[in-house]
Structure formats: structure tokens, C-alpha cells
């Protein structure tokens, strides 16, 4: 589903499709960093650049935001993979 929020769209795409099934030891910070890098790459392709003076803090804030989004999205499931499984099970019913 596409929204007006590019960061959320990238986050959801990665959460639902880019985490291998059976991934033991899911690392939330690595996942969030990957989402943020994709977001920054996409926005820089569209000529939206972050000034170098705030680049690090901007990226850190985005990583923190994606980590929080992940926690809220998968709430009640021990891993993102369990969350995805629950979505598949709901579709089958």
C-alpha cells in the first residue's frame, strides 16, 4: 500500500518482504538502518538533500523513528517473521 509517507512505505515494504523467513537473531537497529539508507538514497535521487551539518543527527533520528515504528507494528509478536506469519494466517481465514 502506498501512502504519502515515503519512509513508511519503504519500512513496510522491507518489513513484509525483505527479511528472510526463519531469520534468527533479527537485529532491529540493523533493520532500521537499512530502511533509512534506502529512504535517503531514494530522496537523494529526487534531489532532496540533507545539509551535511545535520546529516548524522537526521539519520540517527530516522533510525530511532523506524525502530519505534517496527516495535509498534509487530506489537504482540516476538519477531517480524512471526508478525508476517500472523498476516498470512489472517488472509487464509
Protein backbone atom coordinates (compact mmCIF):
# COMPACT_ATOMS: atom_id res chain seq x y z
CA UNK A 1 0.00 0.00 0.00
CA UNK A 2 1.39 3.39 -0.97
CA UNK A 3 0.94 6.32 1.36
CA UNK A 4 2.13 9.90 1.24
CA UNK A 5 4.91 8.94 3.64
CA UNK A 6 7.87 7.55 1.70
CA UNK A 7 9.68 6.43 4.86
CA UNK A 8 6.67 4.39 5.97
CA UNK A 9 6.26 2.86 2.51
CA UNK A 10 9.90 1.74 2.46
CA UNK A 11 9.62 0.49 6.04
CA UNK A 12 6.53 -1.58 5.31
CA UNK A 13 7.98 -2.99 2.08
CA UNK A 14 11.15 -4.08 3.87
CA UNK A 15 9.25 -5.45 6.86
CA UNK A 16 6.91 -7.55 4.74
CA UNK A 17 9.28 -8.66 2.00
CA UNK A 18 12.97 -8.18 2.70
CA UNK A 19 13.51 -10.05 5.96
CA UNK A 20 14.30 -13.69 5.18
CA UNK A 21 11.96 -16.25 6.72
CA UNK A 22 13.48 -18.02 9.67
CA UNK A 23 15.90 -15.17 10.36
CA UNK A 24 17.20 -15.98 13.80
CA UNK A 25 18.57 -13.11 15.80
CA UNK A 26 16.72 -10.32 13.99
CA UNK A 27 18.62 -7.11 14.67
CA UNK A 28 16.22 -4.18 14.98
CA UNK A 29 18.88 -1.50 14.65
CA UNK A 30 20.36 -3.08 11.50
CA UNK A 31 16.89 -3.33 10.00
CA UNK A 32 16.12 0.32 10.82
CA UNK A 33 19.47 1.45 9.41
CA UNK A 34 18.78 -0.43 6.17
CA UNK A 35 15.36 1.24 5.86
CA UNK A 36 16.85 4.68 6.50
CA UNK A 37 19.64 4.16 3.96
CA UNK A 38 17.08 3.19 1.32
CA UNK A 39 14.99 6.24 2.23
CA UNK A 40 17.96 8.60 1.97
CA UNK A 41 19.06 7.03 -1.31
CA UNK A 42 15.57 7.43 -2.74
CA UNK A 43 15.19 11.02 -1.60
CA UNK A 44 18.65 11.99 -2.85
CA UNK A 45 17.70 10.56 -6.26
CA UNK A 46 14.80 13.01 -6.19
CA UNK A 47 17.20 15.89 -5.44
CA UNK A 48 16.22 16.20 -1.77
CA UNK A 49 19.44 16.54 0.17
CA UNK A 50 20.10 16.91 3.87
CA UNK A 51 22.69 19.55 4.77
CA UNK A 52 25.94 17.88 5.88
CA UNK A 53 25.89 19.78 9.17
CA UNK A 54 22.81 17.85 10.33
CA UNK A 55 23.21 14.60 8.37
CA UNK A 56 24.32 12.44 11.32
CA UNK A 57 21.64 13.61 13.73
CA UNK A 58 19.00 13.39 11.00
CA UNK A 59 19.95 9.78 10.24
CA UNK A 60 20.00 8.88 13.94
CA UNK A 61 16.55 10.40 14.43
CA UNK A 62 15.22 8.45 11.44
CA UNK A 63 16.74 5.19 12.71
CA UNK A 64 15.11 5.79 16.11
CA UNK A 65 11.80 6.52 14.37
CA UNK A 66 11.94 3.33 12.29
CA UNK A 67 12.81 1.28 15.37
CA UNK A 68 9.74 2.70 17.12
CA UNK A 69 7.58 2.07 14.04
CA UNK A 70 8.77 -1.55 14.00
CA UNK A 71 8.01 -2.08 17.68
CA UNK A 72 4.51 -0.69 17.25
CA UNK A 73 3.81 -2.58 14.03
CA UNK A 74 4.82 -6.01 15.34
CA UNK A 75 3.49 -5.48 18.88
CA UNK A 76 2.45 -8.80 20.37
CA UNK A 77 4.72 -10.86 18.13
CA UNK A 78 8.20 -11.96 19.21
CA UNK A 79 9.77 -11.33 15.79
CA UNK A 80 8.93 -9.68 12.47
CA UNK A 81 8.73 -13.17 10.98
CA UNK A 82 6.01 -14.13 13.49
CA UNK A 83 4.17 -10.95 12.58
CA UNK A 84 4.31 -11.84 8.87
CA UNK A 85 3.08 -15.37 9.64
CA UNK A 86 0.10 -13.93 11.50
CA UNK A 87 -0.75 -11.79 8.47
CA UNK A 88 -0.63 -14.86 6.22
CA UNK A 89 -2.86 -16.79 8.62
CA UNK A 90 -5.41 -13.96 8.67
CA UNK A 91 -5.55 -13.95 4.87
CA UNK A 92 -6.16 -17.70 4.81
CA UNK A 93 -9.19 -17.45 7.11
